[in-house]
Amino acid sequence: NANEESQVTELGGGEKQTTNNRMEIN
């Protein structure tokens, strides 16, 4: 409808003291 092609945005970040599950949720 807006004549726009597919777009990709990669995101990422980190924490010094965390857990795998917290990172999955975030």
mmCIF file of all heavy atoms, coordinates in Angstrom:
data_MODEL
# 
_entry.id   MODEL 
# 
loop_
_atom_site.group_PDB 
_atom_site.id 
_atom_site.type_symbol 
_atom_site.label_atom_id 
_atom_site.label_alt_id 
_atom_site.label_comp_id 
_atom_site.label_asym_id 
_atom_site.label_entity_id 
_atom_site.label_seq_id 
_atom_site.pdbx_PDB_ins_code 
_atom_site.Cartn_x 
_atom_site.Cartn_y 
_atom_site.Cartn_z 
_atom_site.occupancy 
_atom_site.B_iso_or_equiv 
_atom_site.pdbx_formal_charge 
_atom_site.auth_seq_id 
_atom_site.auth_comp_id 
_atom_site.auth_asym_id 
_atom_site.auth_atom_id 
_atom_site.pdbx_PDB_model_num 
ATOM 1   N N   . ASN A 1 1  ? 0.816  -1.215  0.000  1.00 0.00 ? 1  ASN A N   1 
ATOM 2   C CA  . ASN A 1 1  ? 0.000  0.000   0.000  1.00 0.00 ? 1  ASN A CA  1 
ATOM 3   C C   . ASN A 1 1  ? 0.855  1.272   0.000  1.00 0.00 ? 1  ASN A C   1 
ATOM 4   O O   . ASN A 1 1  ? 0.485  2.297   -0.572 1.00 0.00 ? 1  ASN A O   1 
ATOM 5   C CB  . ASN A 1 1  ? -0.926 0.012   1.222  1.00 0.00 ? 1  ASN A CB  1 
ATOM 6   C CG  . ASN A 1 1  ? -1.955 -1.096  1.165  1.00 0.00 ? 1  ASN A CG  1 
ATOM 7   O OD1 . ASN A 1 1  ? -2.573 -1.309  0.130  1.00 0.00 ? 1  ASN A OD1 1 
ATOM 8   N ND2 . ASN A 1 1  ? -2.134 -1.818  2.262  1.00 0.00 ? 1  ASN A ND2 1 
ATOM 9   N N   . ALA A 1 2  ? 2.014  1.202   0.674  1.00 0.00 ? 2  ALA A N   1 
ATOM 10  C CA  . ALA A 1 2  ? 2.897  2.370   0.755  1.00 0.00 ? 2  ALA A CA  1 
ATOM 11  C C   . ALA A 1 2  ? 4.082  2.236   -0.198 1.00 0.00 ? 2  ALA A C   1 
ATOM 12  O O   . ALA A 1 2  ? 4.991  3.068   -0.174 1.00 0.00 ? 2  ALA A O   1 
ATOM 13  C CB  . ALA A 1 2  ? 3.404  2.537   2.178  1.00 0.00 ? 2  ALA A CB  1 
ATOM 14  N N   . ASN A 1 3  ? 4.054  1.175   -1.024 1.00 0.00 ? 3  ASN A N   1 
ATOM 15  C CA  . ASN A 1 3  ? 5.126  0.925   -1.981 1.00 0.00 ? 3  ASN A CA  1 
ATOM 16  C C   . ASN A 1 3  ? 6.496  0.832   -1.292 1.00 0.00 ? 3  ASN A C   1 
ATOM 17  O O   . ASN A 1 3  ? 7.492  1.390   -1.756 1.00 0.00 ? 3  ASN A O   1 
ATOM 18  C CB  . ASN A 1 3  ? 5.164  2.026   -3.056 1.00 0.00 ? 3  ASN A CB  1 
ATOM 19  C CG  . ASN A 1 3  ? 5.957  1.604   -4.288 1.00 0.00 ? 3  ASN A CG  1 
ATOM 20  O OD1 . ASN A 1 3  ? 6.027  0.422   -4.606 1.00 0.00 ? 3  ASN A OD1 1 
ATOM 21  N ND2 . ASN A 1 3  ? 6.560  2.573   -4.963 1.00 0.00 ? 3  ASN A ND2 1 
ATOM 22  N N   . GLU A 1 4  ? 6.528  0.125   -0.156 1.00 0.00 ? 4  GLU A N   1 
ATOM 23  C CA  . GLU A 1 4  ? 7.755  -0.029  0.616  1.00 0.00 ? 4  GLU A CA  1 
ATOM 24  C C   . GLU A 1 4  ? 8.208  -1.487  0.592  1.00 0.00 ? 4  GLU A C   1 
ATOM 25  O O   . GLU A 1 4  ? 7.398  -2.401  0.728  1.00 0.00 ? 4  GLU A O   1 
ATOM 26  C CB  . GLU A 1 4  ? 7.532  0.407   2.068  1.00 0.00 ? 4  GLU A CB  1 
ATOM 27  C CG  . GLU A 1 4  ? 7.199  1.882   2.225  1.00 0.00 ? 4  GLU A CG  1 
ATOM 28  C CD  . GLU A 1 4  ? 6.844  2.242   3.658  1.00 0.00 ? 4  GLU A CD  1 
ATOM 29  O OE1 . GLU A 1 4  ? 6.646  1.301   4.462  1.00 0.00 ? 4  GLU A OE1 1 
ATOM 30  O OE2 . GLU A 1 4  ? 6.751  3.438   3.967  1.00 0.00 ? 4  GLU A OE2 1 
ATOM 31  N N   . GLU A 1 5  ? 9.515  -1.718  0.443  1.00 0.00 ? 5  GLU A N   1 
ATOM 32  C CA  . GLU A 1 5  ? 10.040 -3.074  0.442  1.00 0.00 ? 5  GLU A CA  1 
ATOM 33  C C   . GLU A 1 5  ? 10.274 -3.558  1.872  1.00 0.00 ? 5  GLU A C   1 
ATOM 34  O O   . GLU A 1 5  ? 10.256 -2.765  2.821  1.00 0.00 ? 5  GLU A O   1 
ATOM 35  C CB  . GLU A 1 5  ? 11.344 -3.133  -0.345 1.00 0.00 ? 5  GLU A CB  1 
ATOM 36  C CG  . GLU A 1 5  ? 12.458 -2.247  0.196  1.00 0.00 ? 5  GLU A CG  1 
ATOM 37  C CD  . GLU A 1 5  ? 13.717 -2.328  -0.659 1.00 0.00 ? 5  GLU A CD  1 
ATOM 38  O OE1 . GLU A 1 5  ? 14.054 -3.432  -1.103 1.00 0.00 ? 5  GLU A OE1 1 
ATOM 39  O OE2 . GLU A 1 5  ? 14.348 -1.272  -0.878 1.00 0.00 ? 5  GLU A OE2 1 
ATOM 40  N N   . SER A 1 6  ? 10.489 -4.854  2.026  1.00 0.00 ? 6  SER A N   1 
ATOM 41  C CA  . SER A 1 6  ? 10.713 -5.439  3.343  1.00 0.00 ? 6  SER A CA  1 
ATOM 42  C C   . SER A 1 6  ? 11.979 -4.874  3.985  1.00 0.00 ? 6  SER A C   1 
ATOM 43  O O   . SER A 1 6  ? 12.995 -4.667  3.309  1.00 0.00 ? 6  SER A O   1 
ATOM 44  C CB  . SER A 1 6  ? 10.838 -6.960  3.222  1.00 0.00 ? 6  SER A CB  1 
ATOM 45  O OG  . SER A 1 6  ? 9.637  -7.519  2.707  1.00 0.00 ? 6  SER A OG  1 
ATOM 46  N N   . GLN A 1 7  ? 11.900 -4.634  5.289  1.00 0.00 ? 7  GLN A N   1 
ATOM 47  C CA  . GLN A 1 7  ? 13.007 -4.052  6.043  1.00 0.00 ? 7  GLN A CA  1 
ATOM 48  C C   . GLN A 1 7  ? 13.445 -4.957  7.193  1.00 0.00 ? 7  GLN A C   1 
ATOM 49  O O   . GLN A 1 7  ? 12.636 -5.683  7.774  1.00 0.00 ? 7  GLN A O   1 
ATOM 50  C CB  . GLN A 1 7  ? 12.585 -2.693  6.607  1.00 0.00 ? 7  GLN A CB  1 
ATOM 51  C CG  . GLN A 1 7  ? 12.237 -1.643  5.560  1.00 0.00 ? 7  GLN A CG  1 
ATOM 52  C CD  . GLN A 1 7  ? 13.444 -1.175  4.787  1.00 0.00 ? 7  GLN A CD  1 
ATOM 53  O OE1 . GLN A 1 7  ? 14.477 -0.822  5.375  1.00 0.00 ? 7  GLN A OE1 1 
ATOM 54  N NE2 . GLN A 1 7  ? 13.339 -1.162  3.454  1.00 0.00 ? 7  GLN A NE2 1 
ATOM 55  N N   . VAL A 1 8  ? 14.728 -4.901  7.507  1.00 0.00 ? 8  VAL A N   1 
ATOM 56  C CA  . VAL A 1 8  ? 15.295 -5.702  8.603  1.00 0.00 ? 8  VAL A CA  1 
ATOM 57  C C   . VAL A 1 8  ? 15.975 -4.778  9.608  1.00 0.00 ? 8  VAL A C   1 
ATOM 58  O O   . VAL A 1 8  ? 16.711 -3.864  9.234  1.00 0.00 ? 8  VAL A O   1 
ATOM 59  C CB  . VAL A 1 8  ? 16.343 -6.711  8.081  1.00 0.00 ? 8  VAL A CB  1 
ATOM 60  C CG1 . VAL A 1 8  ? 16.981 -7.470  9.249  1.00 0.00 ? 8  VAL A CG1 1 
ATOM 61  C CG2 . VAL A 1 8  ? 15.715 -7.680  7.103  1.00 0.00 ? 8  VAL A CG2 1 
ATOM 62  N N   . THR A 1 9  ? 15.723 -5.043  10.897 1.00 0.00 ? 9  THR A N   1 
ATOM 63  C CA  . THR A 1 9  ? 16.416 -4.321  11.960 1.00 0.00 ? 9  THR A CA  1 
ATOM 64  C C   . THR A 1 9  ? 16.981 -5.331  12.949 1.00 0.00 ? 9  THR A C   1 
ATOM 65  O O   . THR A 1 9  ? 16.230 -6.109  13.543 1.00 0.00 ? 9  THR A O   1 
ATOM 66  C CB  . THR A 1 9  ? 15.473 -3.362  12.717 1.00 0.00 ? 9  THR A CB  1 
ATOM 67  O OG1 . THR A 1 9  ? 14.911 -2.424  11.799 1.00 0.00 ? 9  THR A OG1 1 
ATOM 68  C CG2 . THR A 1 9  ? 16.225 -2.606  13.806 1.00 0.00 ? 9  THR A CG2 1 
ATOM 69  N N   . GLU A 1 10 ? 18.298 -5.346  13.099 1.00 0.00 ? 10 GLU A N   1 
ATOM 70  C CA  . GLU A 1 10 ? 18.935 -6.204  14.096 1.00 0.00 ? 10 GLU A CA  1 
ATOM 71  C C   . GLU A 1 10 ? 19.120 -5.407  15.382 1.00 0.00 ? 10 GLU A C   1 
ATOM 72  O O   . GLU A 1 10 ? 19.517 -4.238  15.358 1.00 0.00 ? 10 GLU A O   1 
ATOM 73  C CB  . GLU A 1 10 ? 20.297 -6.698  13.610 1.00 0.00 ? 10 GLU A CB  1 
ATOM 74  C CG  . GLU A 1 10 ? 20.224 -7.687  12.465 1.00 0.00 ? 10 GLU A CG  1 
ATOM 75  C CD  . GLU A 1 10 ? 21.573 -8.290  12.117 1.00 0.00 ? 10 GLU A CD  1 
ATOM 76  O OE1 . GLU A 1 10 ? 22.621 -7.669  12.445 1.00 0.00 ? 10 GLU A OE1 1 
ATOM 77  O OE2 . GLU A 1 10 ? 21.589 -9.374  11.516 1.00 0.00 ? 10 GLU A OE2 1 
ATOM 78  N N   . LEU A 1 11 ? 18.833 -6.050  16.507 1.00 0.00 ? 11 LEU A N   1 
ATOM 79  C CA  . LEU A 1 11 ? 18.949 -5.411  17.819 1.00 0.00 ? 11 LEU A CA  1 
ATOM 80  C C   . LEU A 1 11 ? 19.770 -6.299  18.745 1.00 0.00 ? 11 LEU A C   1 
ATOM 81  O O   . LEU A 1 11 ? 19.778 -7.518  18.598 1.00 0.00 ? 11 LEU A O   1 
ATOM 82  C CB  . LEU A 1 11 ? 17.554 -5.200  18.426 1.00 0.00 ? 11 LEU A CB  1 
ATOM 83  C CG  . LEU A 1 11 ? 16.527 -4.442  17.587 1.00 0.00 ? 11 LEU A CG  1 
ATOM 84  C CD1 . LEU A 1 11 ? 15.135 -4.629  18.177 1.00 0.00 ? 11 LEU A CD1 1 
ATOM 85  C CD2 . LEU A 1 11 ? 16.888 -2.966  17.515 1.00 0.00 ? 11 LEU A CD2 1 
ATOM 86  N N   . GLY A 1 12 ? 20.446 -5.696  19.693 1.00 0.00 ? 12 GLY A N   1 
ATOM 87  C CA  . GLY A 1 12 ? 21.213 -6.487  20.646 1.00 0.00 ? 12 GLY A CA  1 
ATOM 88  C C   . GLY A 1 12 ? 21.692 -5.652  21.808 1.00 0.00 ? 12 GLY A C   1 
ATOM 89  O O   . GLY A 1 12 ? 21.740 -4.413  21.743 1.00 0.00 ? 12 GLY A O   1 
ATOM 90  N N   . GLY A 1 13 ? 22.012 -6.327  22.894 1.00 0.00 ? 13 GLY A N   1 
ATOM 91  C CA  . GLY A 1 13 ? 22.508 -5.634  24.077 1.00 0.00 ? 13 GLY A CA  1 
ATOM 92  C C   . GLY A 1 13 ? 22.990 -6.649  25.088 1.00 0.00 ? 13 GLY A C   1 
ATOM 93  O O   . GLY A 1 13 ? 22.919 -7.863  24.864 1.00 0.00 ? 13 GLY A O   1 
ATOM 94  N N   . GLY A 1 14 ? 23.488 -6.180  26.212 1.00 0.00 ? 14 GLY A N   1 
ATOM 95  C CA  . GLY A 1 14 ? 23.998 -7.105  27.220 1.00 0.00 ? 14 GLY A CA  1 
ATOM 96  C C   . GLY A 1 14 ? 23.958 -6.526  28.616 1.00 0.00 ? 14 GLY A C   1 
ATOM 97  O O   . GLY A 1 14 ? 23.705 -5.333  28.813 1.00 0.00 ? 14 GLY A O   1 
ATOM 98  N N   . GLU A 1 15 ? 24.201 -7.395  29.586 1.00 0.00 ? 15 GLU A N   1 
ATOM 99  C CA  . GLU A 1 15 ? 24.277 -7.015  30.990 1.00 0.00 ? 15 GLU A CA  1 
ATOM 100 C C   . GLU A 1 15 ? 25.469 -7.740  31.612 1.00 0.00 ? 15 GLU A C   1 
ATOM 101 O O   . GLU A 1 15 ? 25.798 -8.863  31.214 1.00 0.00 ? 15 GLU A O   1 
ATOM 102 C CB  . GLU A 1 15 ? 22.991 -7.398  31.734 1.00 0.00 ? 15 GLU A CB  1 
ATOM 103 C CG  . GLU A 1 15 ? 21.753 -6.655  31.262 1.00 0.00 ? 15 GLU A CG  1 
ATOM 104 C CD  . GLU A 1 15 ? 20.495 -7.095  32.008 1.00 0.00 ? 15 GLU A CD  1 
ATOM 105 O OE1 . GLU A 1 15 ? 20.611 -7.883  32.976 1.00 0.00 ? 15 GLU A OE1 1 
ATOM 106 O OE2 . GLU A 1 15 ? 19.396 -6.652  31.612 1.00 0.00 ? 15 GLU A OE2 1 
ATOM 107 N N   . LYS A 1 16 ? 26.112 -7.097  32.584 1.00 0.00 ? 16 LYS A N   1 
ATOM 108 C CA  . LYS A 1 16 ? 27.304 -7.686  33.195 1.00 0.00 ? 16 LYS A CA  1 
ATOM 109 C C   . LYS A 1 16 ? 26.969 -8.860  34.106 1.00 0.00 ? 16 LYS A C   1 
ATOM 110 O O   . LYS A 1 16 ? 27.765 -9.790  34.257 1.00 0.00 ? 16 LYS A O   1 
ATOM 111 C CB  . LYS A 1 16 ? 28.062 -6.612  33.988 1.00 0.00 ? 16 LYS A CB  1 
ATOM 112 C CG  . LYS A 1 16 ? 28.720 -5.561  33.103 1.00 0.00 ? 16 LYS A CG  1 
ATOM 113 C CD  . LYS A 1 16 ? 29.514 -4.569  33.927 1.00 0.00 ? 16 LYS A CD  1 
ATOM 114 C CE  . LYS A 1 16 ? 30.203 -3.552  33.029 1.00 0.00 ? 16 LYS A CE  1 
ATOM 115 N NZ  . LYS A 1 16 ? 30.979 -2.553  33.815 1.00 0.00 ? 16 LYS A NZ  1 
ATOM 116 N N   . GLN A 1 17 ? 25.816 -8.829  34.738 1.00 0.00 ? 17 GLN A N   1 
ATOM 117 C CA  . GLN A 1 17 ? 25.427 -9.904  35.664 1.00 0.00 ? 17 GLN A CA  1 
ATOM 118 C C   . GLN A 1 17 ? 23.957 -10.230 35.430 1.00 0.00 ? 17 GLN A C   1 
ATOM 119 O O   . GLN A 1 17 ? 23.077 -9.474  35.818 1.00 0.00 ? 17 GLN A O   1 
ATOM 120 C CB  . GLN A 1 17 ? 25.660 -9.467  37.113 1.00 0.00 ? 17 GLN A CB  1 
ATOM 121 C CG  . GLN A 1 17 ? 25.587 -10.587 38.130 1.00 0.00 ? 17 GLN A CG  1 
ATOM 122 C CD  . GLN A 1 17 ? 26.812 -11.496 38.115 1.00 0.00 ? 17 GLN A CD  1 
ATOM 123 O OE1 . GLN A 1 17 ? 27.681 -11.358 37.257 1.00 0.00 ? 17 GLN A OE1 1 
ATOM 124 N NE2 . GLN A 1 17 ? 26.887 -12.436 39.042 1.00 0.00 ? 17 GLN A NE2 1 
ATOM 125 N N   . THR A 1 18 ? 23.699 -11.362 34.792 1.00 0.00 ? 18 THR A N   1 
ATOM 126 C CA  . THR A 1 18 ? 22.329 -11.694 34.411 1.00 0.00 ? 18 THR A CA  1 
ATOM 127 C C   . THR A 1 18 ? 22.195 -13.200 34.246 1.00 0.00 ? 18 THR A C   1 
ATOM 128 O O   . THR A 1 18 ? 23.093 -13.964 34.602 1.00 0.00 ? 18 THR A O   1 
ATOM 129 C CB  . THR A 1 18 ? 21.945 -10.943 33.116 1.00 0.00 ? 18 THR A CB  1 
ATOM 130 O OG1 . THR A 1 18 ? 20.555 -11.105 32.868 1.00 0.00 ? 18 THR A OG1 1 
ATOM 131 C CG2 . THR A 1 18 ? 22.750 -11.438 31.931 1.00 0.00 ? 18 THR A CG2 1 
ATOM 132 N N   . THR A 1 19 ? 21.066 -13.645 33.721 1.00 0.00 ? 19 THR A N   1 
ATOM 133 C CA  . THR A 1 19 ? 20.849 -15.067 33.463 1.00 0.00 ? 19 THR A CA  1 
ATOM 134 C C   . THR A 1 19 ? 20.339 -15.253 32.043 1.00 0.00 ? 19 THR A C   1 
ATOM 135 O O   . THR A 1 19 ? 19.864 -14.307 31.411 1.00 0.00 ? 19 THR A O   1 
ATOM 136 C CB  . THR A 1 19 ? 19.807 -15.668 34.430 1.00 0.00 ? 19 THR A CB  1 
ATOM 137 O OG1 . THR A 1 19 ? 18.522 -15.074 34.167 1.00 0.00 ? 19 THR A OG1 1 
ATOM 138 C CG2 . THR A 1 19 ? 20.198 -15.439 35.881 1.00 0.00 ? 19 THR A CG2 1 
ATOM 139 N N   . ASN A 1 20 ? 20.412 -16.466 31.562 1.00 0.00 ? 20 ASN A N   1 
ATOM 140 C CA  . ASN A 1 20 ? 19.934 -16.782 30.231 1.00 0.00 ? 20 ASN A CA  1 
ATOM 141 C C   . ASN A 1 20 ? 18.450 -16.444 30.080 1.00 0.00 ? 20 ASN A C   1 
ATOM 142 O O   . ASN A 1 20 ? 18.027 -15.855 29.079 1.00 0.00 ? 20 ASN A O   1 
ATOM 143 C CB  . ASN A 1 20 ? 20.177 -18.264 29.938 1.00 0.00 ? 20 ASN A CB  1 
ATOM 144 C CG  . ASN A 1 20 ? 19.780 -18.653 28.535 1.00 0.00 ? 20 ASN A CG  1 
ATOM 145 O OD1 . ASN A 1 20 ? 20.435 -18.293 27.578 1.00 0.00 ? 20 ASN A OD1 1 
ATOM 146 N ND2 . ASN A 1 20 ? 18.683 -19.384 28.413 1.00 0.00 ? 20 ASN A ND2 1 
ATOM 147 N N   . ASN A 1 21 ? 17.652 -16.813 31.075 1.00 0.00 ? 21 ASN A N   1 
ATOM 148 C CA  . ASN A 1 21 ? 16.215 -16.567 30.990 1.00 0.00 ? 21 ASN A CA  1 
ATOM 149 C C   . ASN A 1 21 ? 15.880 -15.081 30.944 1.00 0.00 ? 21 ASN A C   1 
ATOM 150 O O   . ASN A 1 21 ? 14.973 -14.651 30.222 1.00 0.00 ? 21 ASN A O   1 
ATOM 151 C CB  . ASN A 1 21 ? 15.490 -17.228 32.168 1.00 0.00 ? 21 ASN A CB  1 
ATOM 152 C CG  . ASN A 1 21 ? 15.356 -18.729 31.994 1.00 0.00 ? 21 ASN A CG  1 
ATOM 153 O OD1 . ASN A 1 21 ? 15.406 -19.242 30.881 1.00 0.00 ? 21 ASN A OD1 1 
ATOM 154 N ND2 . ASN A 1 21 ? 15.194 -19.447 33.095 1.00 0.00 ? 21 ASN A ND2 1 
ATOM 155 N N   . ARG A 1 22 ? 16.593 -14.274 31.708 1.00 0.00 ? 22 ARG A N   1 
ATOM 156 C CA  . ARG A 1 22 ? 16.348 -12.828 31.681 1.00 0.00 ? 22 ARG A CA  1 
ATOM 157 C C   . ARG A 1 22 ? 16.659 -12.261 30.300 1.00 0.00 ? 22 ARG A C   1 
ATOM 158 O O   . ARG A 1 22 ? 15.941 -11.391 29.797 1.00 0.00 ? 22 ARG A O   1 
ATOM 159 C CB  . ARG A 1 22 ? 17.205 -12.132 32.749 1.00 0.00 ? 22 ARG A CB  1 
ATOM 160 C CG  . ARG A 1 22 ? 16.708 -12.358 34.157 1.00 0.00 ? 22 ARG A CG  1 
ATOM 161 C CD  . ARG A 1 22 ? 17.607 -11.687 35.181 1.00 0.00 ? 22 ARG A CD  1 
ATOM 162 N NE  . ARG A 1 22 ? 17.559 -10.240 35.112 1.00 0.00 ? 22 ARG A NE  1 
ATOM 163 C CZ  . ARG A 1 22 ? 16.589 -9.481  35.639 1.00 0.00 ? 22 ARG A CZ  1 
ATOM 164 N NH1 . ARG A 1 22 ? 15.569 -10.051 36.254 1.00 0.00 ? 22 ARG A NH1 1 
ATOM 165 N NH2 . ARG A 1 22 ? 16.632 -8.167  35.560 1.00 0.00 ? 22 ARG A NH2 1 
ATOM 166 N N   . MET A 1 23 ? 17.706 -12.771 29.674 1.00 0.00 ? 23 MET A N   1 
ATOM 167 C CA  . MET A 1 23 ? 18.068 -12.302 28.347 1.00 0.00 ? 23 MET A CA  1 
ATOM 168 C C   . MET A 1 23 ? 17.057 -12.763 27.294 1.00 0.00 ? 23 MET A C   1 
ATOM 169 O O   . MET A 1 23 ? 16.780 -12.033 26.333 1.00 0.00 ? 23 MET A O   1 
ATOM 170 C CB  . MET A 1 23 ? 19.473 -12.778 27.985 1.00 0.00 ? 23 MET A CB  1 
ATOM 171 C CG  . MET A 1 23 ? 20.579 -12.164 28.840 1.00 0.00 ? 23 MET A CG  1 
ATOM 172 S SD  . MET A 1 23 ? 20.791 -10.347 28.584 1.00 0.00 ? 23 MET A SD  1 
ATOM 173 C CE  . MET A 1 23 ? 19.661 -9.666  29.817 1.00 0.00 ? 23 MET A CE  1 
ATOM 174 N N   . GLU A 1 24 ? 16.489 -13.947 27.457 1.00 0.00 ? 24 GLU A N   1 
ATOM 175 C CA  . GLU A 1 24 ? 15.451 -14.425 26.538 1.00 0.00 ? 24 GLU A CA  1 
ATOM 176 C C   . GLU A 1 24 ? 14.233 -13.507 26.585 1.00 0.00 ? 24 GLU A C   1 
ATOM 177 O O   . GLU A 1 24 ? 13.675 -13.121 25.551 1.00 0.00 ? 24 GLU A O   1 
ATOM 178 C CB  . GLU A 1 24 ? 15.035 -15.854 26.899 1.00 0.00 ? 24 GLU A CB  1 
ATOM 179 C CG  . GLU A 1 24 ? 16.103 -16.919 26.719 1.00 0.00 ? 24 GLU A CG  1 
ATOM 180 C CD  . GLU A 1 24 ? 16.266 -17.381 25.279 1.00 0.00 ? 24 GLU A CD  1 
ATOM 181 O OE1 . GLU A 1 24 ? 15.626 -16.790 24.376 1.00 0.00 ? 24 GLU A OE1 1 
ATOM 182 O OE2 . GLU A 1 24 ? 17.036 -18.328 25.061 1.00 0.00 ? 24 GLU A OE2 1 
ATOM 183 N N   . ILE A 1 25 ? 13.813 -13.151 27.796 1.00 0.00 ? 25 ILE A N   1 
ATOM 184 C CA  . ILE A 1 25 ? 12.642 -12.284 27.963 1.00 0.00 ? 25 ILE A CA  1 
ATOM 185 C C   . ILE A 1 25 ? 12.929 -10.896 27.385 1.00 0.00 ? 25 ILE A C   1 
ATOM 186 O O   . ILE A 1 25 ? 12.100 -10.309 26.676 1.00 0.00 ? 25 ILE A O   1 
ATOM 187 C CB  . ILE A 1 25 ? 12.253 -12.152 29.453 1.00 0.00 ? 25 ILE A CB  1 
ATOM 188 C CG1 . ILE A 1 25 ? 11.973 -13.520 30.064 1.00 0.00 ? 25 ILE A CG1 1 
ATOM 189 C CG2 . ILE A 1 25 ? 11.016 -11.258 29.604 1.00 0.00 ? 25 ILE A CG2 1 
ATOM 190 C CD1 . ILE A 1 25 ? 11.901 -13.498 31.590 1.00 0.00 ? 25 ILE A CD1 1 
ATOM 191 N N   . ASN A 1 26 ? 14.117 -10.381 27.680 1.00 0.00 ? 26 ASN A N   1 
ATOM 192 C CA  . ASN A 1 26 ? 14.452 -9.036  27.222 1.00 0.00 ? 26 ASN A CA  1 
ATOM 193 C C   . ASN A 1 26 ? 14.544 -8.955  25.700 1.00 0.00 ? 26 ASN A C   1 
ATOM 194 O O   . ASN A 1 26 ? 14.139 -7.957  25.101 1.00 0.00 ? 26 ASN A O   1 
ATOM 195 C CB  . ASN A 1 26 ? 15.776 -8.584  27.842 1.00 0.00 ? 26 ASN A CB  1 
ATOM 196 C CG  . ASN A 1 26 ? 15.938 -7.087  27.807 1.00 0.00 ? 26 ASN A CG  1 
ATOM 197 O OD1 . ASN A 1 26 ? 15.101 -6.346  28.317 1.00 0.00 ? 26 ASN A OD1 1 
ATOM 198 N ND2 . ASN A 1 26 ? 17.001 -6.610  27.182 1.00 0.00 ? 26 ASN A ND2 1 
# 
